[in-house]
PDB file of N, CA and C in Angstrom:
ATOM      1  N   UNK A   1     -40.197  25.387  43.627  1.00  0.00           N
ATOM      2  CA  UNK A   1     -38.761  24.444  42.631  1.00  0.00           C
ATOM      3  C   UNK A   1     -39.575  23.111  42.223  1.00  0.00           C
ATOM      4  N   UNK A   2     -41.316  22.925  42.490  1.00  0.00           N
ATOM      5  CA  UNK A   2     -41.937  22.207  41.742  1.00  0.00           C
ATOM      6  C   UNK A   2     -42.358  22.686  40.365  1.00  0.00           C
ATOM      7  N   UNK A   3     -41.629  24.169  40.361  1.00  0.00           N
ATOM      8  CA  UNK A   3     -42.785  24.385  39.029  1.00  0.00           C
ATOM      9  C   UNK A   3     -41.185  24.244  37.824  1.00  0.00           C
ATOM     10  N   UNK A   4     -40.126  24.477  38.435  1.00  0.00           N
ATOM     11  CA  UNK A   4     -38.710  23.761  37.308  1.00  0.00           C
ATOM     12  C   UNK A   4     -38.291  22.842  37.837  1.00  0.00           C
ATOM     13  N   UNK A   5     -38.947  22.023  37.889  1.00  0.00           N
ATOM     14  CA  UNK A   5     -38.550  20.475  38.024  1.00  0.00           C
ATOM     15  C   UNK A   5     -38.761  20.411  36.344  1.00  0.00           C
ATOM     16  N   UNK A   6     -40.560  20.118  35.987  1.00  0.00           N
ATOM     17  CA  UNK A   6     -41.163  19.863  34.822  1.00  0.00           C
ATOM     18  C   UNK A   6     -39.848  19.952  33.872  1.00  0.00           C
ATOM     19  N   UNK A   7     -39.788  21.103  33.460  1.00  0.00           N
ATOM     20  CA  UNK A   7     -39.193  21.289  32.114  1.00  0.00           C
ATOM     21  C   UNK A   7     -37.168  20.568  32.363  1.00  0.00           C
ATOM     22  N   UNK A   8     -37.032  20.410  33.475  1.00  0.00           N
ATOM     23  CA  UNK A   8     -35.271  19.993  33.452  1.00  0.00           C
ATOM     24  C   UNK A   8     -35.700  17.849  33.445  1.00  0.00           C
ATOM     25  N   UNK A   9     -36.618  17.776  33.969  1.00  0.00           N
ATOM     26  CA  UNK A   9     -37.782  16.373  33.165  1.00  0.00           C
ATOM     27  C   UNK A   9     -37.943  16.177  31.693  1.00  0.00           C
ATOM     28  N   UNK A  10     -38.980  16.745  31.380  1.00  0.00           N
ATOM     29  CA  UNK A  10     -38.823  16.906  30.045  1.00  0.00           C
ATOM     30  C   UNK A  10     -37.590  17.122  29.036  1.00  0.00           C
ATOM     31  N   UNK A  11     -36.726  18.332  29.583  1.00  0.00           N
ATOM     32  CA  UNK A  11     -35.702  18.486  28.763  1.00  0.00           C
ATOM     33  C   UNK A  11     -33.776  16.748  28.191  1.00  0.00           C
ATOM     34  N   UNK A  12     -34.753  15.574  30.042  1.00  0.00           N
ATOM     35  CA  UNK A  12     -33.926  14.669  29.977  1.00  0.00           C
ATOM     36  C   UNK A  12     -34.713  13.673  28.876  1.00  0.00           C
ATOM     37  N   UNK A  13     -36.113  13.614  29.399  1.00  0.00           N
ATOM     38  CA  UNK A  13     -36.787  13.066  28.455  1.00  0.00           C
ATOM     39  C   UNK A  13     -36.203  13.309  26.997  1.00  0.00           C
ATOM     40  N   UNK A  14     -35.938  14.559  26.620  1.00  0.00           N
ATOM     41  CA  UNK A  14     -36.236  15.160  25.447  1.00  0.00           C
ATOM     42  C   UNK A  14     -34.544  14.553  24.748  1.00  0.00           C
ATOM     43  N   UNK A  15     -33.857  14.069  25.319  1.00  0.00           N
ATOM     44  CA  UNK A  15     -32.304  14.210  24.711  1.00  0.00           C
ATOM     45  C   UNK A  15     -31.946  12.695  25.740  1.00  0.00           C
ATOM     46  N   UNK A  16     -32.861  12.136  26.224  1.00  0.00           N
ATOM     47  CA  UNK A  16     -32.838  10.019  26.852  1.00  0.00           C
ATOM     48  C   UNK A  16     -33.866   9.719  24.887  1.00  0.00           C
ATOM     49  N   UNK A  17     -34.855  10.501  23.866  1.00  0.00           N
ATOM     50  CA  UNK A  17     -35.094   9.902  22.957  1.00  0.00           C
ATOM     51  C   UNK A  17     -34.278  10.448  21.507  1.00  0.00           C
ATOM     52  N   UNK A  18     -33.930  11.648  21.741  1.00  0.00           N
ATOM     53  CA  UNK A  18     -33.040  11.589  21.108  1.00  0.00           C
ATOM     54  C   UNK A  18     -31.508  10.555  20.730  1.00  0.00           C
ATOM     55  N   UNK A  19     -31.365  10.258  22.014  1.00  0.00           N
ATOM     56  CA  UNK A  19     -30.268   9.465  22.147  1.00  0.00           C
ATOM     57  C   UNK A  19     -30.365   8.638  21.690  1.00  0.00           C
ATOM     58  N   UNK A  20     -31.764   7.089  21.989  1.00  0.00           N
ATOM     59  CA  UNK A  20     -32.620   6.269  21.450  1.00  0.00           C
ATOM     60  C   UNK A  20     -32.504   6.321  19.494  1.00  0.00           C
ATOM     61  N   UNK A  21     -33.005   7.672  19.104  1.00  0.00           N
ATOM     62  CA  UNK A  21     -33.214   7.736  17.944  1.00  0.00           C
ATOM     63  C   UNK A  21     -31.461   7.084  17.390  1.00  0.00           C
ATOM     64  N   UNK A  22     -30.915   8.239  17.412  1.00  0.00           N
ATOM     65  CA  UNK A  22     -29.707   8.036  16.832  1.00  0.00           C
ATOM     66  C   UNK A  22     -28.582   6.838  17.229  1.00  0.00           C
ATOM     67  N   UNK A  23     -28.857   6.137  17.516  1.00  0.00           N
ATOM     68  CA  UNK A  23     -28.867   4.754  18.020  1.00  0.00           C
ATOM     69  C   UNK A  23     -29.422   3.150  17.412  1.00  0.00           C
ATOM     70  N   UNK A  24     -30.618   3.672  17.078  1.00  0.00           N
ATOM     71  CA  UNK A  24     -31.399   3.325  15.994  1.00  0.00           C
ATOM     72  C   UNK A  24     -31.099   3.116  15.061  1.00  0.00           C
ATOM     73  N   UNK A  25     -30.500   4.467  14.497  1.00  0.00           N
ATOM     74  CA  UNK A  25     -30.060   4.299  12.972  1.00  0.00           C
ATOM     75  C   UNK A  25     -28.395   4.175  13.286  1.00  0.00           C
ATOM     76  N   UNK A  26     -28.082   3.891  13.905  1.00  0.00           N
ATOM     77  CA  UNK A  26     -26.152   3.585  13.543  1.00  0.00           C
ATOM     78  C   UNK A  26     -26.630   2.102  13.671  1.00  0.00           C
ATOM     79  N   UNK A  27     -27.658   1.509  14.657  1.00  0.00           N
ATOM     80  CA  UNK A  27     -27.962  -0.202  14.432  1.00  0.00           C
ATOM     81  C   UNK A  27     -27.948  -0.314  12.679  1.00  0.00           C
ATOM     82  N   UNK A  28     -29.163   0.430  12.276  1.00  0.00           N
ATOM     83  CA  UNK A  28     -29.190   0.133  11.220  1.00  0.00           C
ATOM     84  C   UNK A  28     -28.522   0.132  10.215  1.00  0.00           C
ATOM     85  N   UNK A  29     -27.689   1.458  10.132  1.00  0.00           N
ATOM     86  CA  UNK A  29     -26.790   1.666   9.651  1.00  0.00           C
ATOM     87  C   UNK A  29     -25.319   0.285   9.154  1.00  0.00           C
ATOM     88  N   UNK A  30     -25.086  -0.047   9.205  1.00  0.00           N
ATOM     89  CA  UNK A  30     -24.786  -1.020   9.810  1.00  0.00           C
ATOM     90  C   UNK A  30     -25.373  -2.097   9.256  1.00  0.00           C
ATOM     91  N   UNK A  31     -25.167  -2.747   7.857  1.00  0.00           N
ATOM     92  CA  UNK A  31     -26.014  -3.947   7.720  1.00  0.00           C
ATOM     93  C   UNK A  31     -25.294  -5.032   7.311  1.00  0.00           C
ATOM     94  N   UNK A  32     -25.613  -6.221   8.125  1.00  0.00           N
ATOM     95  CA  UNK A  32     -24.497  -7.607   7.580  1.00  0.00           C
ATOM     96  C   UNK A  32     -24.218  -7.500   5.730  1.00  0.00           C
ATOM     97  N   UNK A  33     -24.717  -6.897   5.614  1.00  0.00           N
ATOM     98  CA  UNK A  33     -24.255  -7.154   3.422  1.00  0.00           C
ATOM     99  C   UNK A  33     -22.906  -6.642   3.773  1.00  0.00           C
ATOM    100  N   UNK A  34     -22.625  -5.167   4.553  1.00  0.00           N
ATOM    101  CA  UNK A  34     -21.417  -4.688   4.294  1.00  0.00           C
ATOM    102  C   UNK A  34     -20.275  -5.252   5.145  1.00  0.00           C
ATOM    103  N   UNK A  35     -20.511  -5.547   5.770  1.00  0.00           N
ATOM    104  CA  UNK A  35     -19.684  -5.914   6.994  1.00  0.00           C
ATOM    105  C   UNK A  35     -19.133  -7.762   6.753  1.00  0.00           C
ATOM    106  N   UNK A  36     -19.258  -8.682   5.516  1.00  0.00           N
ATOM    107  CA  UNK A  36     -19.188 -10.112   5.476  1.00  0.00           C
ATOM    108  C   UNK A  36     -18.304 -10.533   6.068  1.00  0.00           C
ATOM    109  N   UNK A  37     -17.442 -10.250   5.502  1.00  0.00           N
ATOM    110  CA  UNK A  37     -16.026 -11.011   5.655  1.00  0.00           C
ATOM    111  C   UNK A  37     -15.084  -9.869   7.013  1.00  0.00           C
ATOM    112  N   UNK A  38     -14.214 -11.572   7.610  1.00  0.00           N
ATOM    113  CA  UNK A  38     -13.939 -11.142   8.762  1.00  0.00           C
ATOM    114  C   UNK A  38     -12.025 -10.205   8.407  1.00  0.00           C
ATOM    115  N   UNK A  39     -11.537  -8.829   9.473  1.00  0.00           N
ATOM    116  CA  UNK A  39     -10.145  -9.456   8.891  1.00  0.00           C
ATOM    117  C   UNK A  39      -9.548 -10.243   9.292  1.00  0.00           C
ATOM    118  N   UNK A  40      -9.894 -11.104  10.312  1.00  0.00           N
ATOM    119  CA  UNK A  40      -9.033 -11.931  10.468  1.00  0.00           C
ATOM    120  C   UNK A  40      -8.882 -13.855   8.699  1.00  0.00           C
ATOM    121  N   UNK A  41     -10.353 -13.794   8.586  1.00  0.00           N
ATOM    122  CA  UNK A  41     -10.716 -14.233   7.520  1.00  0.00           C
ATOM    123  C   UNK A  41      -9.906 -14.304   6.253  1.00  0.00           C
ATOM    124  N   UNK A  42     -10.311 -12.216   6.249  1.00  0.00           N
ATOM    125  CA  UNK A  42      -9.311 -11.905   4.928  1.00  0.00           C
ATOM    126  C   UNK A  42      -8.206 -11.657   5.134  1.00  0.00           C
ATOM    127  N   UNK A  43      -7.324 -11.821   5.891  1.00  0.00           N
ATOM    128  CA  UNK A  43      -5.612 -11.947   6.587  1.00  0.00           C
ATOM    129  C   UNK A  43      -5.311 -13.120   6.332  1.00  0.00           C
ATOM    130  N   UNK A  44      -6.119 -14.125   5.716  1.00  0.00           N
ATOM    131  CA  UNK A  44      -5.706 -16.132   5.814  1.00  0.00           C
ATOM    132  C   UNK A  44      -6.245 -15.989   4.776  1.00  0.00           C
ATOM    133  N   UNK A  45      -6.890 -16.076   3.764  1.00  0.00           N
ATOM    134  CA  UNK A  45      -6.795 -15.724   2.113  1.00  0.00           C
ATOM    135  C   UNK A  45      -5.798 -15.683   1.458  1.00  0.00           C
ATOM    136  N   UNK A  46      -5.529 -17.115   1.127  1.00  0.00           N
ATOM    137  CA  UNK A  46      -4.200 -16.840   0.217  1.00  0.00           C
ATOM    138  C   UNK A  46      -4.318 -16.249  -1.134  1.00  0.00           C
ATOM    139  N   UNK A  47      -5.566 -15.913  -1.759  1.00  0.00           N
ATOM    140  CA  UNK A  47      -6.427 -15.846  -3.007  1.00  0.00           C
ATOM    141  C   UNK A  47      -6.255 -14.434  -2.824  1.00  0.00           C
ATOM    142  N   UNK A  48      -5.728 -13.197  -1.787  1.00  0.00           N
ATOM    143  CA  UNK A  48      -5.798 -11.558  -2.610  1.00  0.00           C
ATOM    144  C   UNK A  48      -4.626 -11.246  -2.874  1.00  0.00           C
ATOM    145  N   UNK A  49      -4.376 -10.321  -2.743  1.00  0.00           N
ATOM    146  CA  UNK A  49      -3.250 -10.060  -3.595  1.00  0.00           C
ATOM    147  C   UNK A  49      -2.276  -9.924  -2.918  1.00  0.00           C
ATOM    148  N   UNK A  50      -0.743 -10.135  -2.945  1.00  0.00           N
ATOM    149  CA  UNK A  50       0.042 -10.336  -2.429  1.00  0.00           C
ATOM    150  C   UNK A  50       0.477  -8.861  -1.148  1.00  0.00           C
ATOM    151  N   UNK A  51       0.190  -8.066  -2.031  1.00  0.00           N
ATOM    152  CA  UNK A  51       0.377  -7.059  -0.767  1.00  0.00           C
ATOM    153  C   UNK A  51      -0.529  -6.326  -0.433  1.00  0.00           C
ATOM    154  N   UNK A  52      -1.619  -6.166   0.630  1.00  0.00           N
ATOM    155  CA  UNK A  52      -2.415  -5.738   0.942  1.00  0.00           C
ATOM    156  C   UNK A  52      -2.581  -5.061   2.444  1.00  0.00           C
ATOM    157  N   UNK A  53      -3.460  -3.716   1.934  1.00  0.00           N
ATOM    158  CA  UNK A  53      -3.702  -2.654   2.576  1.00  0.00           C
ATOM    159  C   UNK A  53      -4.684  -3.188   4.221  1.00  0.00           C
ATOM    160  N   UNK A  54      -4.849  -3.817   5.605  1.00  0.00           N
ATOM    161  CA  UNK A  54      -5.129  -4.133   6.399  1.00  0.00           C
ATOM    162  C   UNK A  54      -6.360  -3.210   7.025  1.00  0.00           C
ATOM    163  N   UNK A  55      -7.235  -3.523   7.982  1.00  0.00           N
ATOM    164  CA  UNK A  55      -8.040  -3.130   8.256  1.00  0.00           C
ATOM    165  C   UNK A  55      -7.072  -1.802   9.006  1.00  0.00           C
ATOM    166  N   UNK A  56      -6.558  -1.969  10.059  1.00  0.00           N
ATOM    167  CA  UNK A  56      -5.421  -1.094  10.468  1.00  0.00           C
ATOM    168  C   UNK A  56      -4.776  -0.182   9.968  1.00  0.00           C
ATOM    169  N   UNK A  57      -4.433  -0.682   8.699  1.00  0.00           N
ATOM    170  CA  UNK A  57      -4.018   0.322   7.710  1.00  0.00           C
ATOM    171  C   UNK A  57      -3.058   0.313   7.663  1.00  0.00           C
ATOM    172  N   UNK A  58      -2.000  -0.827   7.577  1.00  0.00           N
ATOM    173  CA  UNK A  58      -0.668  -1.174   7.459  1.00  0.00           C
ATOM    174  C   UNK A  58      -0.580  -2.162   5.843  1.00  0.00           C
ATOM    175  N   UNK A  59       0.090  -2.380   5.618  1.00  0.00           N
ATOM    176  CA  UNK A  59       0.285  -3.133   4.586  1.00  0.00           C
ATOM    177  C   UNK A  59       0.934  -4.559   4.897  1.00  0.00           C
ATOM    178  N   UNK A  60       0.266  -5.309   4.376  1.00  0.00           N
ATOM    179  CA  UNK A  60       0.700  -6.622   4.467  1.00  0.00           C
ATOM    180  C   UNK A  60       1.637  -7.444   3.431  1.00  0.00           C
ATOM    181  N   UNK A  61       2.683  -7.814   4.201  1.00  0.00           N
ATOM    182  CA  UNK A  61       3.589  -8.604   3.145  1.00  0.00           C
ATOM    183  C   UNK A  61       3.559  -9.845   1.894  1.00  0.00           C
ATOM    184  N   UNK A  62       4.188 -10.312   1.360  1.00  0.00           N
ATOM    185  CA  UNK A  62       3.398 -10.959   0.682  1.00  0.00           C
ATOM    186  C   UNK A  62       3.064 -12.713   1.176  1.00  0.00           C
ATOM    187  N   UNK A  63       1.978 -13.035   1.050  1.00  0.00           N
ATOM    188  CA  UNK A  63       1.252 -14.061   1.394  1.00  0.00           C
ATOM    189  C   UNK A  63       1.778 -15.470   0.732  1.00  0.00           C
ATOM    190  N   UNK A  64       1.338 -15.096  -0.568  1.00  0.00           N
ATOM    191  CA  UNK A  64       1.960 -16.565  -0.683  1.00  0.00           C
ATOM    192  C   UNK A  64       3.726 -16.192  -0.865  1.00  0.00           C
ATOM    193  N   UNK A  65       3.586 -17.721  -0.346  1.00  0.00           N
ATOM    194  CA  UNK A  65       5.268 -18.339  -0.201  1.00  0.00           C
ATOM    195  C   UNK A  65       5.414 -19.673  -1.091  1.00  0.00           C
ATOM    196  N   UNK A  66       6.773 -19.705  -1.097  1.00  0.00           N
ATOM    197  CA  UNK A  66       7.197 -21.251  -1.428  1.00  0.00           C
ATOM    198  C   UNK A  66       6.413 -21.747  -2.052  1.00  0.00           C
ATOM    199  N   UNK A  67       6.559 -20.946  -3.389  1.00  0.00           N
ATOM    200  CA  UNK A  67       5.956 -21.568  -4.840  1.00  0.00           C
ATOM    201  C   UNK A  67       7.485 -22.159  -5.367  1.00  0.00           C
ATOM    202  N   UNK A  68       6.979 -22.915  -6.154  1.00  0.00           N
ATOM    203  CA  UNK A  68       8.440 -24.002  -6.978  1.00  0.00           C
ATOM    204  C   UNK A  68       7.949 -23.304  -7.825  1.00  0.00           C
ATOM    205  N   UNK A  69       9.792 -22.866  -8.797  1.00  0.00           N
ATOM    206  CA  UNK A  69      10.037 -23.098  -9.958  1.00  0.00           C
ATOM    207  C   UNK A  69      11.000 -23.726 -10.688  1.00  0.00           C
ATOM    208  N   UNK A  70      10.252 -24.134 -11.822  1.00  0.00           N
ATOM    209  CA  UNK A  70      10.713 -25.014 -12.875  1.00  0.00           C
ATOM    210  C   UNK A  70      12.017 -24.614 -12.722  1.00  0.00           C
ATOM    211  N   UNK A  71      12.984 -25.631 -13.640  1.00  0.00           N
ATOM    212  CA  UNK A  71      14.301 -26.117 -14.044  1.00  0.00           C
ATOM    213  C   UNK A  71      14.360 -25.183 -15.532  1.00  0.00           C
ATOM    214  N   UNK A  72      13.701 -24.968 -15.587  1.00  0.00           N
ATOM    215  CA  UNK A  72      13.771 -24.145 -17.068  1.00  0.00           C
ATOM    216  C   UNK A  72      12.984 -22.616 -16.711  1.00  0.00           C
ATOM    217  N   UNK A  73      12.396 -22.049 -16.166  1.00  0.00           N
ATOM    218  CA  UNK A  73      12.288 -20.996 -15.647  1.00  0.00           C
ATOM    219  C   UNK A  73      13.734 -20.401 -14.698  1.00  0.00           C
ATOM    220  N   UNK A  74      13.905 -20.895 -13.956  1.00  0.00           N
ATOM    221  CA  UNK A  74      15.241 -20.908 -13.265  1.00  0.00           C
ATOM    222  C   UNK A  74      16.281 -20.131 -14.715  1.00  0.00           C
ATOM    223  N   UNK A  75      16.625 -21.431 -15.130  1.00  0.00           N
ATOM    224  CA  UNK A  75      17.094 -21.366 -16.078  1.00  0.00           C
ATOM    225  C   UNK A  75      17.100 -19.772 -16.751  1.00  0.00           C
ATOM    226  N   UNK A  76      16.035 -19.569 -17.160  1.00  0.00           N
ATOM    227  CA  UNK A  76      16.012 -17.962 -18.049  1.00  0.00           C
ATOM    228  C   UNK A  76      16.559 -16.654 -17.483  1.00  0.00           C
ATOM    229  N   UNK A  77      15.626 -16.945 -16.280  1.00  0.00           N
ATOM    230  CA  UNK A  77      15.752 -16.766 -14.974  1.00  0.00           C
ATOM    231  C   UNK A  77      17.200 -15.739 -14.667  1.00  0.00           C
ATOM    232  N   UNK A  78      18.253 -16.932 -14.903  1.00  0.00           N
ATOM    233  CA  UNK A  78      19.340 -16.872 -14.607  1.00  0.00           C
ATOM    234  C   UNK A  78      20.004 -15.901 -15.702  1.00  0.00           C
ATOM    235  N   UNK A  79      19.755 -16.314 -16.940  1.00  0.00           N
ATOM    236  CA  UNK A  79      20.049 -15.737 -18.204  1.00  0.00           C
ATOM    237  C   UNK A  79      19.800 -14.654 -18.164  1.00  0.00           C
ATOM    238  N   UNK A  80      19.159 -14.248 -18.431  1.00  0.00           N
ATOM    239  CA  UNK A  80      17.548 -12.738 -17.822  1.00  0.00           C
ATOM    240  C   UNK A  80      19.045 -12.227 -17.117  1.00  0.00           C
ATOM    241  N   UNK A  81      19.644 -12.349 -15.659  1.00  0.00           N
ATOM    242  CA  UNK A  81      20.410 -11.778 -14.865  1.00  0.00           C
ATOM    243  C   UNK A  81      21.861 -11.531 -15.378  1.00  0.00           C
ATOM    244  N   UNK A  82      22.354 -12.846 -16.495  1.00  0.00           N
ATOM    245  CA  UNK A  82      23.811 -12.982 -16.907  1.00  0.00           C
ATOM    246  C   UNK A  82      24.124 -11.773 -18.062  1.00  0.00           C
ATOM    247  N   UNK A  83      22.435 -11.599 -18.673  1.00  0.00           N
ATOM    248  CA  UNK A  83      22.529 -10.359 -19.606  1.00  0.00           C
ATOM    249  C   UNK A  83      22.888  -9.131 -19.091  1.00  0.00           C
ATOM    250  N   UNK A  84      21.325  -8.973 -18.138  1.00  0.00           N
ATOM    251  CA  UNK A  84      21.459  -6.858 -17.430  1.00  0.00           C
ATOM    252  C   UNK A  84      23.053  -7.235 -17.166  1.00  0.00           C
ATOM    253  N   UNK A  85      23.727  -8.215 -16.765  1.00  0.00           N
ATOM    254  CA  UNK A  85      24.883  -7.887 -16.120  1.00  0.00           C
ATOM    255  C   UNK A  85      25.705  -7.424 -17.274  1.00  0.00           C
ATOM    256  N   UNK A  86      25.952  -7.853 -18.095  1.00  0.00           N
ATOM    257  CA  UNK A  86      25.899  -7.828 -18.899  1.00  0.00           C
ATOM    258  C   UNK A  86      26.712  -6.159 -20.216  1.00  0.00           C
ATOM    259  N   UNK A  87      25.375  -6.109 -20.168  1.00  0.00           N
ATOM    260  CA  UNK A  87      24.625  -4.926 -21.205  1.00  0.00           C
ATOM    261  C   UNK A  87      24.976  -3.940 -19.668  1.00  0.00           C
ATOM    262  N   UNK A  88      24.722  -3.581 -18.230  1.00  0.00           N
ATOM    263  CA  UNK A  88      25.034  -2.914 -17.289  1.00  0.00           C
ATOM    264  C   UNK A  88      26.204  -2.470 -17.976  1.00  0.00           C
ATOM    265  N   UNK A  89      27.544  -3.826 -17.562  1.00  0.00           N
ATOM    266  CA  UNK A  89      28.761  -2.830 -18.239  1.00  0.00           C
ATOM    267  C   UNK A  89      29.561  -2.396 -19.257  1.00  0.00           C
ATOM    268  N   UNK A  90      28.726  -2.993 -20.280  1.00  0.00           N
ATOM    269  CA  UNK A  90      28.704  -2.252 -21.522  1.00  0.00           C
ATOM    270  C   UNK A  90      27.806  -0.707 -21.434  1.00  0.00           C
ATOM    271  N   UNK A  91      27.212  -0.293 -20.408  1.00  0.00           N
ATOM    272  CA  UNK A  91      26.259   0.769 -19.999  1.00  0.00           C
ATOM    273  C   UNK A  91      27.459   0.994 -19.606  1.00  0.00           C
ATOM    274  N   UNK A  92      28.375   1.069 -18.674  1.00  0.00           N
ATOM    275  CA  UNK A  92      28.932   1.845 -18.003  1.00  0.00           C
ATOM    276  C   UNK A  92      30.262   1.993 -19.047  1.00  0.00           C
ATOM    277  N   UNK A  93      30.862   1.449 -19.980  1.00  0.00           N
ATOM    278  CA  UNK A  93      32.035   1.520 -20.259  1.00  0.00           C
ATOM    279  C   UNK A  93      31.091   2.431 -21.339  1.00  0.00           C
ATOM    280  N   UNK A  94      29.906   2.598 -22.534  1.00  0.00           N
ATOM    281  CA  UNK A  94      29.757   4.217 -22.694  1.00  0.00           C
ATOM    282  C   UNK A  94      30.022   5.282 -21.957  1.00  0.00           C
ATOM    283  N   UNK A  95      29.454   5.080 -20.912  1.00  0.00           N
ATOM    284  CA  UNK A  95      29.124   6.773 -19.701  1.00  0.00           C
ATOM    285  C   UNK A  95      30.363   6.613 -19.770  1.00  0.00           C
ATOM    286  N   UNK A  96      31.852   5.781 -19.641  1.00  0.00           N
ATOM    287  CA  UNK A  96      32.987   6.288 -19.016  1.00  0.00           C
ATOM    288  C   UNK A  96      34.117   6.976 -20.461  1.00  0.00           C
ATOM    289  N   UNK A  97      33.682   6.375 -21.725  1.00  0.00           N
ATOM    290  CA  UNK A  97      34.232   6.931 -23.381  1.00  0.00           C
ATOM    291  C   UNK A  97      33.644   8.677 -23.481  1.00  0.00           C
ATOM    292  N   UNK A  98      32.097   8.900 -23.103  1.00  0.00           N
ATOM    293  CA  UNK A  98      31.500   9.968 -22.852  1.00  0.00           C
ATOM    294  C   UNK A  98      31.907  11.228 -22.351  1.00  0.00           C
ATOM    295  N   UNK A  99      32.418  11.018 -21.742  1.00  0.00           N
ATOM    296  CA  UNK A  99      33.022  11.059 -20.358  1.00  0.00           C
ATOM    297  C   UNK A  99      34.046  11.777 -20.668  1.00  0.00           C
ATOM    298  N   UNK A 100      34.881  10.847 -20.849  1.00  0.00           N
ATOM    299  CA  UNK A 100      36.325  11.016 -21.100  1.00  0.00           C
ATOM    300  C   UNK A 100      35.781  12.062 -22.374  1.00  0.00           C
ATOM    301  N   UNK A 101      35.658  11.986 -23.658  1.00  0.00           N
ATOM    302  CA  UNK A 101      35.447  12.770 -25.180  1.00  0.00           C
ATOM    303  C   UNK A 101      35.387  13.844 -24.336  1.00  0.00           C
ATOM    304  N   UNK A 102      34.185  13.818 -23.353  1.00  0.00           N
ATOM    305  CA  UNK A 102      33.997  15.311 -22.908  1.00  0.00           C
ATOM    306  C   UNK A 102      34.922  16.157 -22.643  1.00  0.00           C
ATOM    307  N   UNK A 103      35.884  15.401 -21.259  1.00  0.00           N
ATOM    308  CA  UNK A 103      36.695  16.159 -20.503  1.00  0.00           C
ATOM    309  C   UNK A 103      37.544  16.426 -21.200  1.00  0.00           C
ATOM    310  N   UNK A 104      38.038  15.759 -22.561  1.00  0.00           N
ATOM    311  CA  UNK A 104      39.372  16.237 -23.515  1.00  0.00           C
ATOM    312  C   UNK A 104      39.218  17.295 -24.188  1.00  0.00           C
ATOM    313  N   UNK A 105      37.678  17.422 -24.645  1.00  0.00           N
ATOM    314  CA  UNK A 105      36.676  18.496 -25.402  1.00  0.00           C
ATOM    315  C   UNK A 105      37.149  19.771 -23.882  1.00  0.00           C
ATOM    316  N   UNK A 106      36.551  19.778 -23.207  1.00  0.00           N
ATOM    317  CA  UNK A 106      36.795  20.745 -22.283  1.00  0.00           C
ATOM    318  C   UNK A 106      38.004  21.284 -21.883  1.00  0.00           C
ATOM    319  N   UNK A 107      39.046  20.775 -21.369  1.00  0.00           N
ATOM    320  CA  UNK A 107      40.895  20.114 -21.635  1.00  0.00           C
ATOM    321  C   UNK A 107      41.645  20.997 -23.198  1.00  0.00           C
ATOM    322  N   UNK A 108      40.517  20.577 -24.676  1.00  0.00           N
ATOM    323  CA  UNK A 108      41.747  21.593 -26.035  1.00  0.00           C
ATOM    324  C   UNK A 108      40.310  22.476 -25.609  1.00  0.00           C
ATOM    325  N   UNK A 109      39.462  22.363 -25.495  1.00  0.00           N
ATOM    326  CA  UNK A 109      39.191  23.918 -25.302  1.00  0.00           C
ATOM    327  C   UNK A 109      39.626  25.329 -24.788  1.00  0.00           C
ATOM    328  N   UNK A 110      39.946  24.939 -23.317  1.00  0.00           N
ATOM    329  CA  UNK A 110      40.507  25.907 -21.986  1.00  0.00           C
ATOM    330  C   UNK A 110      42.148  26.278 -22.478  1.00  0.00           C
ATOM    331  N   UNK A 111      42.696  25.278 -23.025  1.00  0.00           N
ATOM    332  CA  UNK A 111      44.344  25.611 -24.108  1.00  0.00           C
ATOM    333  C   UNK A 111      43.927  26.510 -24.960  1.00  0.00           C
ATOM    334  N   UNK A 112      42.625  26.700 -25.158  1.00  0.00           N
ATOM    335  CA  UNK A 112      43.384  27.537 -27.016  1.00  0.00           C
ATOM    336  C   UNK A 112      42.366  28.274 -26.480  1.00  0.00           C
ATOM    337  N   UNK A 113      41.594  28.674 -25.316  1.00  0.00           N
ATOM    338  CA  UNK A 113      41.375  30.015 -24.695  1.00  0.00           C
ATOM    339  C   UNK A 113      42.758  30.631 -23.534  1.00  0.00           C
TER     340      UNK A 113
END
């Protein structure tokens, strides 16, 4: 038995040395310059983009809220919405007219045959 013990001890020592080297490499690989900002501080920073991917991988919703909008800008947006409604109504009328003409042509074509 004493002859087999030293190789086992030597194997254990080599395993321990290998572990120590890998731990040392891991400790030196993560330098402080790569992880300067904590995720909690990033989440509180309002100057970052409104939607941001968190370290967990989920997408954060907008952080900036309650921004005041001036009277002129509100008026402009309202006018834009009204114009968009008018344009969509006109477009619907055009599409209906096209479909009616197409149906009329198809009906005439079928009647001819």
